[in-house]
């Protein structure tokens, strides 16, 4: 648990300091998280009011070949994802890799 918290802190620090992007993929589906704040009104409208005070970042996903905008928040040991259609999910922080330019 402590390692997950440390990983989350390092990830958040990296996102804000290095303007990095992180991704996770299972080979078919792909999630990308950025250091930019989530400003997608359609996605934010699906976040329960009791959770909107959390820091939500912008991201995107390719799921079964289709692109989706998303917002995410870090809740160790996961990055919790929210999509505009009301669907959500989570990616283990250990599965996120720093994206290289052009990826």
PDB file of N, CA and C in Angstrom:
ATOM      1  N   UNK A   1       0.832  -1.196   0.000  1.00  0.00           N
ATOM      2  CA  UNK A   1       0.000   0.000   0.000  1.00  0.00           C
ATOM      3  C   UNK A   1       0.870   1.250   0.000  1.00  0.00           C
ATOM      4  N   UNK A   2       1.909   1.264   0.829  1.00  0.00           N
ATOM      5  CA  UNK A   2       2.794   2.428   0.879  1.00  0.00           C
ATOM      6  C   UNK A   2       3.460   2.650  -0.473  1.00  0.00           C
ATOM      7  N   UNK A   3       3.857   1.566  -1.143  1.00  0.00           N
ATOM      8  CA  UNK A   3       4.475   1.718  -2.459  1.00  0.00           C
ATOM      9  C   UNK A   3       3.493   2.338  -3.446  1.00  0.00           C
ATOM     10  N   UNK A   4       2.227   1.972  -3.352  1.00  0.00           N
ATOM     11  CA  UNK A   4       1.216   2.546  -4.244  1.00  0.00           C
ATOM     12  C   UNK A   4       1.061   4.037  -4.003  1.00  0.00           C
ATOM     13  N   UNK A   5       1.072   4.441  -2.740  1.00  0.00           N
ATOM     14  CA  UNK A   5       0.954   5.861  -2.411  1.00  0.00           C
ATOM     15  C   UNK A   5       2.172   6.615  -2.912  1.00  0.00           C
ATOM     16  N   UNK A   6       3.356   6.061  -2.702  1.00  0.00           N
ATOM     17  CA  UNK A   6       4.584   6.697  -3.181  1.00  0.00           C
ATOM     18  C   UNK A   6       4.542   6.790  -4.703  1.00  0.00           C
ATOM     19  N   UNK A   7       4.116   5.718  -5.377  1.00  0.00           N
ATOM     20  CA  UNK A   7       4.028   5.739  -6.840  1.00  0.00           C
ATOM     21  C   UNK A   7       3.064   6.814  -7.311  1.00  0.00           C
ATOM     22  N   UNK A   8       1.945   6.982  -6.614  1.00  0.00           N
ATOM     23  CA  UNK A   8       0.968   8.008  -6.984  1.00  0.00           C
ATOM     24  C   UNK A   8       1.559   9.399  -6.820  1.00  0.00           C
ATOM     25  N   UNK A   9       2.267   9.622  -5.739  1.00  0.00           N
ATOM     26  CA  UNK A   9       2.898  10.927  -5.501  1.00  0.00           C
ATOM     27  C   UNK A   9       3.937  11.214  -6.574  1.00  0.00           C
ATOM     28  N   UNK A  10       4.752  10.226  -6.909  1.00  0.00           N
ATOM     29  CA  UNK A  10       5.763  10.397  -7.953  1.00  0.00           C
ATOM     30  C   UNK A  10       5.096  10.662  -9.295  1.00  0.00           C
ATOM     31  N   UNK A  11       4.018   9.917  -9.588  1.00  0.00           N
ATOM     32  CA  UNK A  11       3.306  10.119 -10.845  1.00  0.00           C
ATOM     33  C   UNK A  11       2.730  11.528 -10.922  1.00  0.00           C
ATOM     34  N   UNK A  12       2.076  11.977  -9.877  1.00  0.00           N
ATOM     35  CA  UNK A  12       1.495  13.321  -9.871  1.00  0.00           C
ATOM     36  C   UNK A  12       2.569  14.390 -10.000  1.00  0.00           C
ATOM     37  N   UNK A  13       3.683  14.205  -9.303  1.00  0.00           N
ATOM     38  CA  UNK A  13       4.777  15.172  -9.390  1.00  0.00           C
ATOM     39  C   UNK A  13       5.336  15.208 -10.809  1.00  0.00           C
ATOM     40  N   UNK A  14       5.487  14.053 -11.413  1.00  0.00           N
ATOM     41  CA  UNK A  14       5.999  13.989 -12.776  1.00  0.00           C
ATOM     42  C   UNK A  14       5.040  14.641 -13.758  1.00  0.00           C
ATOM     43  N   UNK A  15       3.751  14.399 -13.577  1.00  0.00           N
ATOM     44  CA  UNK A  15       2.778  14.987 -14.482  1.00  0.00           C
ATOM     45  C   UNK A  15       2.825  16.497 -14.447  1.00  0.00           C
ATOM     46  N   UNK A  16       2.971  17.076 -13.259  1.00  0.00           N
ATOM     47  CA  UNK A  16       2.924  18.528 -13.159  1.00  0.00           C
ATOM     48  C   UNK A  16       4.273  19.187 -13.445  1.00  0.00           C
ATOM     49  N   UNK A  17       5.377  18.531 -13.165  1.00  0.00           N
ATOM     50  CA  UNK A  17       6.690  19.140 -13.359  1.00  0.00           C
ATOM     51  C   UNK A  17       7.201  18.940 -14.777  1.00  0.00           C
ATOM     52  N   UNK A  18       7.083  17.739 -15.307  1.00  0.00           N
ATOM     53  CA  UNK A  18       7.677  17.424 -16.597  1.00  0.00           C
ATOM     54  C   UNK A  18       6.718  17.548 -17.768  1.00  0.00           C
ATOM     55  N   UNK A  19       5.475  17.884 -17.517  1.00  0.00           N
ATOM     56  CA  UNK A  19       4.464  17.945 -18.575  1.00  0.00           C
ATOM     57  C   UNK A  19       4.459  16.643 -19.363  1.00  0.00           C
ATOM     58  N   UNK A  20       4.583  15.548 -18.655  1.00  0.00           N
ATOM     59  CA  UNK A  20       4.647  14.235 -19.274  1.00  0.00           C
ATOM     60  C   UNK A  20       3.251  13.690 -19.528  1.00  0.00           C
ATOM     61  N   UNK A  21       3.226  12.677 -20.358  1.00  0.00           N
ATOM     62  CA  UNK A  21       2.006  11.914 -20.582  1.00  0.00           C
ATOM     63  C   UNK A  21       2.317  10.470 -20.233  1.00  0.00           C
ATOM     64  N   UNK A  22       1.298   9.783 -19.747  1.00  0.00           N
ATOM     65  CA  UNK A  22       1.441   8.381 -19.383  1.00  0.00           C
ATOM     66  C   UNK A  22       0.416   7.563 -20.128  1.00  0.00           C
ATOM     67  N   UNK A  23       0.753   6.315 -20.400  1.00  0.00           N
ATOM     68  CA  UNK A  23      -0.166   5.454 -21.126  1.00  0.00           C
ATOM     69  C   UNK A  23      -0.149   4.049 -20.540  1.00  0.00           C
ATOM     70  N   UNK A  24      -1.200   3.335 -20.843  1.00  0.00           N
ATOM     71  CA  UNK A  24      -1.298   1.916 -20.517  1.00  0.00           C
ATOM     72  C   UNK A  24      -2.009   1.254 -21.686  1.00  0.00           C
ATOM     73  N   UNK A  25      -1.623   0.027 -21.986  1.00  0.00           N
ATOM     74  CA  UNK A  25      -2.238  -0.686 -23.088  1.00  0.00           C
ATOM     75  C   UNK A  25      -2.249  -2.175 -22.785  1.00  0.00           C
ATOM     76  N   UNK A  26      -3.314  -2.843 -23.230  1.00  0.00           N
ATOM     77  CA  UNK A  26      -3.374  -4.300 -23.121  1.00  0.00           C
ATOM     78  C   UNK A  26      -3.128  -4.945 -24.481  1.00  0.00           C
ATOM     79  N   UNK A  27      -2.652  -4.171 -25.436  1.00  0.00           N
ATOM     80  CA  UNK A  27      -2.398  -4.668 -26.773  1.00  0.00           C
ATOM     81  C   UNK A  27      -3.472  -4.260 -27.763  1.00  0.00           C
ATOM     82  N   UNK A  28      -4.713  -4.206 -27.322  1.00  0.00           N
ATOM     83  CA  UNK A  28      -5.823  -3.785 -28.186  1.00  0.00           C
ATOM     84  C   UNK A  28      -6.362  -2.422 -27.785  1.00  0.00           C
ATOM     85  N   UNK A  29      -6.441  -2.186 -26.491  1.00  0.00           N
ATOM     86  CA  UNK A  29      -7.012  -0.951 -25.951  1.00  0.00           C
ATOM     87  C   UNK A  29      -5.897  -0.103 -25.361  1.00  0.00           C
ATOM     88  N   UNK A  30      -6.117   1.213 -25.349  1.00  0.00           N
ATOM     89  CA  UNK A  30      -5.048   2.147 -25.005  1.00  0.00           C
ATOM     90  C   UNK A  30      -5.622   3.298 -24.195  1.00  0.00           C
ATOM     91  N   UNK A  31      -4.958   3.680 -23.130  1.00  0.00           N
ATOM     92  CA  UNK A  31      -5.349   4.825 -22.313  1.00  0.00           C
ATOM     93  C   UNK A  31      -4.163   5.771 -22.219  1.00  0.00           C
ATOM     94  N   UNK A  32      -4.409   7.059 -22.427  1.00  0.00           N
ATOM     95  CA  UNK A  32      -3.358   8.083 -22.295  1.00  0.00           C
ATOM     96  C   UNK A  32      -3.829   9.124 -21.287  1.00  0.00           C
ATOM     97  N   UNK A  33      -2.978   9.442 -20.335  1.00  0.00           N
ATOM     98  CA  UNK A  33      -3.273  10.452 -19.315  1.00  0.00           C
ATOM     99  C   UNK A  33      -2.307  11.603 -19.473  1.00  0.00           C
ATOM    100  N   UNK A  34      -2.807  12.837 -19.411  1.00  0.00           N
ATOM    101  CA  UNK A  34      -1.950  14.014 -19.553  1.00  0.00           C
ATOM    102  C   UNK A  34      -1.893  14.776 -18.228  1.00  0.00           C
ATOM    103  N   UNK A  35      -1.042  15.761 -18.188  1.00  0.00           N
ATOM    104  CA  UNK A  35      -0.939  16.606 -17.001  1.00  0.00           C
ATOM    105  C   UNK A  35      -1.919  17.778 -17.052  1.00  0.00           C
ATOM    106  N   UNK A  36      -2.695  17.884 -18.128  1.00  0.00           N
ATOM    107  CA  UNK A  36      -3.646  18.986 -18.272  1.00  0.00           C
ATOM    108  C   UNK A  36      -4.890  18.727 -17.431  1.00  0.00           C
ATOM    109  N   UNK A  37      -5.479  19.771 -16.880  1.00  0.00           N
ATOM    110  CA  UNK A  37      -6.716  19.569 -16.120  1.00  0.00           C
ATOM    111  C   UNK A  37      -7.857  19.168 -17.057  1.00  0.00           C
ATOM    112  N   UNK A  38      -8.773  18.405 -16.539  1.00  0.00           N
ATOM    113  CA  UNK A  38      -9.939  18.001 -17.327  1.00  0.00           C
ATOM    114  C   UNK A  38     -10.860  19.205 -17.490  1.00  0.00           C
ATOM    115  N   UNK A  39     -11.151  19.543 -18.738  1.00  0.00           N
ATOM    116  CA  UNK A  39     -12.053  20.648 -19.039  1.00  0.00           C
ATOM    117  C   UNK A  39     -13.208  20.190 -19.920  1.00  0.00           C
ATOM    118  N   UNK A  40     -13.367  18.882 -20.073  1.00  0.00           N
ATOM    119  CA  UNK A  40     -14.436  18.333 -20.900  1.00  0.00           C
ATOM    120  C   UNK A  40     -15.733  18.339 -20.096  1.00  0.00           C
ATOM    121  N   UNK A  41     -16.627  19.252 -20.438  1.00  0.00           N
ATOM    122  CA  UNK A  41     -17.866  19.434 -19.667  1.00  0.00           C
ATOM    123  C   UNK A  41     -18.734  18.184 -19.683  1.00  0.00           C
ATOM    124  N   UNK A  42     -18.752  17.458 -20.808  1.00  0.00           N
ATOM    125  CA  UNK A  42     -19.578  16.252 -20.895  1.00  0.00           C
ATOM    126  C   UNK A  42     -19.078  15.172 -19.939  1.00  0.00           C
ATOM    127  N   UNK A  43     -17.772  15.066 -19.803  1.00  0.00           N
ATOM    128  CA  UNK A  43     -17.199  14.072 -18.883  1.00  0.00           C
ATOM    129  C   UNK A  43     -17.399  14.534 -17.438  1.00  0.00           C
ATOM    130  N   UNK A  44     -17.081  15.784 -17.174  1.00  0.00           N
ATOM    131  CA  UNK A  44     -17.204  16.295 -15.803  1.00  0.00           C
ATOM    132  C   UNK A  44     -18.635  16.192 -15.297  1.00  0.00           C
ATOM    133  N   UNK A  45     -19.609  16.292 -16.186  1.00  0.00           N
ATOM    134  CA  UNK A  45     -21.019  16.182 -15.786  1.00  0.00           C
ATOM    135  C   UNK A  45     -21.359  14.788 -15.280  1.00  0.00           C
ATOM    136  N   UNK A  46     -20.572  13.797 -15.661  1.00  0.00           N
ATOM    137  CA  UNK A  46     -20.819  12.412 -15.234  1.00  0.00           C
ATOM    138  C   UNK A  46     -20.121  12.061 -13.919  1.00  0.00           C
ATOM    139  N   UNK A  47     -19.253  12.945 -13.452  1.00  0.00           N
ATOM    140  CA  UNK A  47     -18.558  12.701 -12.184  1.00  0.00           C
ATOM    141  C   UNK A  47     -19.508  13.066 -11.052  1.00  0.00           C
ATOM    142  N   UNK A  48     -19.712  12.149 -10.104  1.00  0.00           N
ATOM    143  CA  UNK A  48     -20.616  12.458  -8.995  1.00  0.00           C
ATOM    144  C   UNK A  48     -20.196  13.740  -8.274  1.00  0.00           C
ATOM    145  N   UNK A  49     -21.163  14.571  -7.873  1.00  0.00           N
ATOM    146  CA  UNK A  49     -20.841  15.849  -7.218  1.00  0.00           C
ATOM    147  C   UNK A  49     -19.885  15.694  -6.034  1.00  0.00           C
ATOM    148  N   UNK A  50     -20.002  14.637  -5.290  1.00  0.00           N
ATOM    149  CA  UNK A  50     -19.132  14.426  -4.135  1.00  0.00           C
ATOM    150  C   UNK A  50     -17.682  14.145  -4.488  1.00  0.00           C
ATOM    151  N   UNK A  51     -17.399  13.905  -5.786  1.00  0.00           N
ATOM    152  CA  UNK A  51     -16.029  13.620  -6.224  1.00  0.00           C
ATOM    153  C   UNK A  51     -15.454  14.717  -7.115  1.00  0.00           C
ATOM    154  N   UNK A  52     -16.265  15.711  -7.469  1.00  0.00           N
ATOM    155  CA  UNK A  52     -15.794  16.750  -8.377  1.00  0.00           C
ATOM    156  C   UNK A  52     -14.726  17.652  -7.761  1.00  0.00           C
ATOM    157  N   UNK A  53     -14.612  17.646  -6.433  1.00  0.00           N
ATOM    158  CA  UNK A  53     -13.596  18.477  -5.787  1.00  0.00           C
ATOM    159  C   UNK A  53     -12.186  17.894  -5.953  1.00  0.00           C
ATOM    160  N   UNK A  54     -12.095  16.643  -6.367  1.00  0.00           N
ATOM    161  CA  UNK A  54     -10.789  16.016  -6.572  1.00  0.00           C
ATOM    162  C   UNK A  54     -10.108  16.607  -7.797  1.00  0.00           C
ATOM    163  N   UNK A  55      -8.805  16.452  -7.879  1.00  0.00           N
ATOM    164  CA  UNK A  55      -8.058  16.919  -9.048  1.00  0.00           C
ATOM    165  C   UNK A  55      -8.299  15.923 -10.184  1.00  0.00           C
ATOM    166  N   UNK A  56      -8.930  16.382 -11.263  1.00  0.00           N
ATOM    167  CA  UNK A  56      -9.224  15.547 -12.416  1.00  0.00           C
ATOM    168  C   UNK A  56      -8.374  15.994 -13.585  1.00  0.00           C
ATOM    169  N   UNK A  57      -7.634  15.074 -14.169  1.00  0.00           N
ATOM    170  CA  UNK A  57      -6.798  15.352 -15.327  1.00  0.00           C
ATOM    171  C   UNK A  57      -7.484  14.910 -16.609  1.00  0.00           C
ATOM    172  N   UNK A  58      -6.994  15.417 -17.737  1.00  0.00           N
ATOM    173  CA  UNK A  58      -7.535  15.069 -19.047  1.00  0.00           C
ATOM    174  C   UNK A  58      -6.815  13.848 -19.603  1.00  0.00           C
ATOM    175  N   UNK A  59      -7.538  13.090 -20.372  1.00  0.00           N
ATOM    176  CA  UNK A  59      -6.946  11.925 -21.009  1.00  0.00           C
ATOM    177  C   UNK A  59      -7.786  11.480 -22.182  1.00  0.00           C
ATOM    178  N   UNK A  60      -7.385  10.367 -22.758  1.00  0.00           N
ATOM    179  CA  UNK A  60      -8.131   9.795 -23.874  1.00  0.00           C
ATOM    180  C   UNK A  60      -7.922   8.289 -23.868  1.00  0.00           C
ATOM    181  N   UNK A  61      -8.797   7.613 -24.563  1.00  0.00           N
ATOM    182  CA  UNK A  61      -8.689   6.169 -24.673  1.00  0.00           C
ATOM    183  C   UNK A  61      -9.063   5.743 -26.081  1.00  0.00           C
ATOM    184  N   UNK A  62      -8.484   4.656 -26.501  1.00  0.00           N
ATOM    185  CA  UNK A  62      -8.917   3.953 -27.703  1.00  0.00           C
ATOM    186  C   UNK A  62      -9.427   2.618 -27.186  1.00  0.00           C
ATOM    187  N   UNK A  63     -10.721   2.385 -27.314  1.00  0.00           N
ATOM    188  CA  UNK A  63     -11.333   1.165 -26.803  1.00  0.00           C
ATOM    189  C   UNK A  63     -12.034   0.474 -27.959  1.00  0.00           C
ATOM    190  N   UNK A  64     -11.586  -0.724 -28.262  1.00  0.00           N
ATOM    191  CA  UNK A  64     -12.123  -1.495 -29.385  1.00  0.00           C
ATOM    192  C   UNK A  64     -12.131  -0.667 -30.668  1.00  0.00           C
ATOM    193  N   UNK A  65     -11.042   0.084 -30.856  1.00  0.00           N
ATOM    194  CA  UNK A  65     -10.858   0.867 -32.070  1.00  0.00           C
ATOM    195  C   UNK A  65     -11.523   2.223 -32.091  1.00  0.00           C
ATOM    196  N   UNK A  66     -12.269   2.579 -31.061  1.00  0.00           N
ATOM    197  CA  UNK A  66     -12.975   3.859 -31.040  1.00  0.00           C
ATOM    198  C   UNK A  66     -12.328   4.799 -30.021  1.00  0.00           C
ATOM    199  N   UNK A  67     -12.149   6.097 -30.383  1.00  0.00           N
ATOM    200  CA  UNK A  67     -11.558   7.060 -29.453  1.00  0.00           C
ATOM    201  C   UNK A  67     -12.600   7.614 -28.476  1.00  0.00           C
ATOM    202  N   UNK A  68     -12.174   7.824 -27.249  1.00  0.00           N
ATOM    203  CA  UNK A  68     -13.039   8.386 -26.204  1.00  0.00           C
ATOM    204  C   UNK A  68     -12.246   9.392 -25.371  1.00  0.00           C
ATOM    205  N   UNK A  69     -12.791  10.592 -25.142  1.00  0.00           N
ATOM    206  CA  UNK A  69     -12.163  11.492 -24.177  1.00  0.00           C
ATOM    207  C   UNK A  69     -12.477  10.973 -22.775  1.00  0.00           C
ATOM    208  N   UNK A  70     -11.619  11.284 -21.825  1.00  0.00           N
ATOM    209  CA  UNK A  70     -11.852  10.866 -20.452  1.00  0.00           C
ATOM    210  C   UNK A  70     -11.228  11.860 -19.490  1.00  0.00           C
ATOM    211  N   UNK A  71     -11.650  11.770 -18.258  1.00  0.00           N
ATOM    212  CA  UNK A  71     -11.014  12.479 -17.153  1.00  0.00           C
ATOM    213  C   UNK A  71     -10.567  11.411 -16.171  1.00  0.00           C
ATOM    214  N   UNK A  72      -9.528  11.712 -15.409  1.00  0.00           N
ATOM    215  CA  UNK A  72      -9.022  10.735 -14.444  1.00  0.00           C
ATOM    216  C   UNK A  72      -8.610  11.438 -13.157  1.00  0.00           C
ATOM    217  N   UNK A  73      -8.616  10.685 -12.095  1.00  0.00           N
ATOM    218  CA  UNK A  73      -8.076  11.144 -10.829  1.00  0.00           C
ATOM    219  C   UNK A  73      -7.248  10.006 -10.247  1.00  0.00           C
ATOM    220  N   UNK A  74      -6.248  10.343  -9.486  1.00  0.00           N
ATOM    221  CA  UNK A  74      -5.386   9.332  -8.872  1.00  0.00           C
ATOM    222  C   UNK A  74      -5.935   8.977  -7.502  1.00  0.00           C
ATOM    223  N   UNK A  75      -6.260   7.712  -7.330  1.00  0.00           N
ATOM    224  CA  UNK A  75      -6.732   7.160  -6.055  1.00  0.00           C
ATOM    225  C   UNK A  75      -5.962   5.866  -5.855  1.00  0.00           C
ATOM    226  N   UNK A  76      -4.776   5.930  -5.223  1.00  0.00           N
ATOM    227  CA  UNK A  76      -3.919   4.743  -5.094  1.00  0.00           C
ATOM    228  C   UNK A  76      -4.696   3.520  -4.628  1.00  0.00           C
ATOM    229  N   UNK A  77      -4.428   2.404  -5.278  1.00  0.00           N
ATOM    230  CA  UNK A  77      -3.370   2.144  -6.266  1.00  0.00           C
ATOM    231  C   UNK A  77      -3.820   2.270  -7.721  1.00  0.00           C
ATOM    232  N   UNK A  78      -4.811   3.120  -7.997  1.00  0.00           N
ATOM    233  CA  UNK A  78      -5.363   3.229  -9.349  1.00  0.00           C
ATOM    234  C   UNK A  78      -5.422   4.668  -9.847  1.00  0.00           C
ATOM    235  N   UNK A  79      -5.470   4.783 -11.172  1.00  0.00           N
ATOM    236  CA  UNK A  79      -5.951   5.988 -11.838  1.00  0.00           C
ATOM    237  C   UNK A  79      -7.399   5.661 -12.190  1.00  0.00           C
ATOM    238  N   UNK A  80      -8.329   6.415 -11.614  1.00  0.00           N
ATOM    239  CA  UNK A  80      -9.756   6.174 -11.826  1.00  0.00           C
ATOM    240  C   UNK A  80     -10.193   6.984 -13.038  1.00  0.00           C
ATOM    241  N   UNK A  81     -10.860   6.317 -13.985  1.00  0.00           N
ATOM    242  CA  UNK A  81     -11.242   6.915 -15.256  1.00  0.00           C
ATOM    243  C   UNK A  81     -12.738   7.175 -15.310  1.00  0.00           C
ATOM    244  N   UNK A  82     -13.104   8.288 -15.932  1.00  0.00           N
ATOM    245  CA  UNK A  82     -14.512   8.616 -16.153  1.00  0.00           C
ATOM    246  C   UNK A  82     -14.683   9.045 -17.603  1.00  0.00           C
ATOM    247  N   UNK A  83     -15.690   8.475 -18.282  1.00  0.00           N
ATOM    248  CA  UNK A  83     -15.971   8.781 -19.675  1.00  0.00           C
ATOM    249  C   UNK A  83     -17.277   9.572 -19.785  1.00  0.00           C
ATOM    250  N   UNK A  84     -17.467  10.252 -20.921  1.00  0.00           N
ATOM    251  CA  UNK A  84     -18.649  11.086 -21.129  1.00  0.00           C
ATOM    252  C   UNK A  84     -19.945  10.287 -21.188  1.00  0.00           C
ATOM    253  N   UNK A  85     -19.865   9.009 -21.541  1.00  0.00           N
ATOM    254  CA  UNK A  85     -21.085   8.206 -21.620  1.00  0.00           C
ATOM    255  C   UNK A  85     -21.508   7.662 -20.261  1.00  0.00           C
ATOM    256  N   UNK A  86     -20.780   8.039 -19.215  1.00  0.00           N
ATOM    257  CA  UNK A  86     -21.102   7.588 -17.867  1.00  0.00           C
ATOM    258  C   UNK A  86     -20.339   6.351 -17.446  1.00  0.00           C
ATOM    259  N   UNK A  87     -19.687   5.711 -18.393  1.00  0.00           N
ATOM    260  CA  UNK A  87     -18.879   4.537 -18.074  1.00  0.00           C
ATOM    261  C   UNK A  87     -17.615   4.993 -17.357  1.00  0.00           C
ATOM    262  N   UNK A  88     -17.019   4.107 -16.631  1.00  0.00           N
ATOM    263  CA  UNK A  88     -15.789   4.416 -15.917  1.00  0.00           C
ATOM    264  C   UNK A  88     -14.945   3.176 -15.789  1.00  0.00           C
ATOM    265  N   UNK A  89     -13.788   3.346 -15.215  1.00  0.00           N
ATOM    266  CA  UNK A  89     -12.884   2.226 -15.021  1.00  0.00           C
ATOM    267  C   UNK A  89     -11.712   2.653 -14.179  1.00  0.00           C
ATOM    268  N   UNK A  90     -10.738   1.781 -14.111  1.00  0.00           N
ATOM    269  CA  UNK A  90      -9.531   2.075 -13.340  1.00  0.00           C
ATOM    270  C   UNK A  90      -8.346   1.367 -13.986  1.00  0.00           C
ATOM    271  N   UNK A  91      -7.201   2.028 -13.931  1.00  0.00           N
ATOM    272  CA  UNK A  91      -5.954   1.456 -14.415  1.00  0.00           C
ATOM    273  C   UNK A  91      -5.001   1.414 -13.229  1.00  0.00           C
ATOM    274  N   UNK A  92      -4.433   0.241 -12.930  1.00  0.00           N
ATOM    275  CA  UNK A  92      -3.438   0.198 -11.854  1.00  0.00           C
ATOM    276  C   UNK A  92      -2.273   1.139 -12.169  1.00  0.00           C
ATOM    277  N   UNK A  93      -1.846   1.900 -11.187  1.00  0.00           N
ATOM    278  CA  UNK A  93      -0.746   2.840 -11.403  1.00  0.00           C
ATOM    279  C   UNK A  93       0.505   2.127 -11.901  1.00  0.00           C
ATOM    280  N   UNK A  94       0.709   0.895 -11.462  1.00  0.00           N
ATOM    281  CA  UNK A  94       1.910   0.154 -11.877  1.00  0.00           C
ATOM    282  C   UNK A  94       1.907  -0.136 -13.377  1.00  0.00           C
ATOM    283  N   UNK A  95       0.734  -0.080 -14.035  1.00  0.00           N
ATOM    284  CA  UNK A  95       0.645  -0.356 -15.468  1.00  0.00           C
ATOM    285  C   UNK A  95       0.912   0.872 -16.319  1.00  0.00           C
ATOM    286  N   UNK A  96       0.971   2.055 -15.734  1.00  0.00           N
ATOM    287  CA  UNK A  96       1.204   3.285 -16.503  1.00  0.00           C
ATOM    288  C   UNK A  96       2.684   3.450 -16.798  1.00  0.00           C
ATOM    289  N   UNK A  97       2.962   3.776 -18.034  1.00  0.00           N
ATOM    290  CA  UNK A  97       4.326   4.007 -18.510  1.00  0.00           C
ATOM    291  C   UNK A  97       4.406   5.416 -19.060  1.00  0.00           C
ATOM    292  N   UNK A  98       5.575   6.035 -18.914  1.00  0.00           N
ATOM    293  CA  UNK A  98       5.744   7.364 -19.468  1.00  0.00           C
ATOM    294  C   UNK A  98       5.773   7.280 -20.995  1.00  0.00           C
ATOM    295  N   UNK A  99       4.957   8.103 -21.643  1.00  0.00           N
ATOM    296  CA  UNK A  99       4.894   8.111 -23.105  1.00  0.00           C
ATOM    297  C   UNK A  99       6.106   8.835 -23.658  1.00  0.00           C
ATOM    298  N   UNK A 100       6.656   8.279 -24.708  1.00  0.00           N
ATOM    299  CA  UNK A 100       7.759   8.925 -25.420  1.00  0.00           C
ATOM    300  C   UNK A 100       7.166   9.841 -26.473  1.00  0.00           C
ATOM    301  N   UNK A 101       7.858  10.912 -26.859  1.00  0.00           N
ATOM    302  CA  UNK A 101       7.332  11.804 -27.897  1.00  0.00           C
ATOM    303  C   UNK A 101       6.980  11.010 -29.154  1.00  0.00           C
ATOM    304  N   UNK A 102       5.808  11.309 -29.702  1.00  0.00           N
ATOM    305  CA  UNK A 102       5.372  10.642 -30.921  1.00  0.00           C
ATOM    306  C   UNK A 102       4.594   9.365 -30.701  1.00  0.00           C
ATOM    307  N   UNK A 103       4.432   8.959 -29.438  1.00  0.00           N
ATOM    308  CA  UNK A 103       3.665   7.731 -29.164  1.00  0.00           C
ATOM    309  C   UNK A 103       2.237   8.087 -28.905  1.00  0.00           C
TER     310      UNK A 103
END
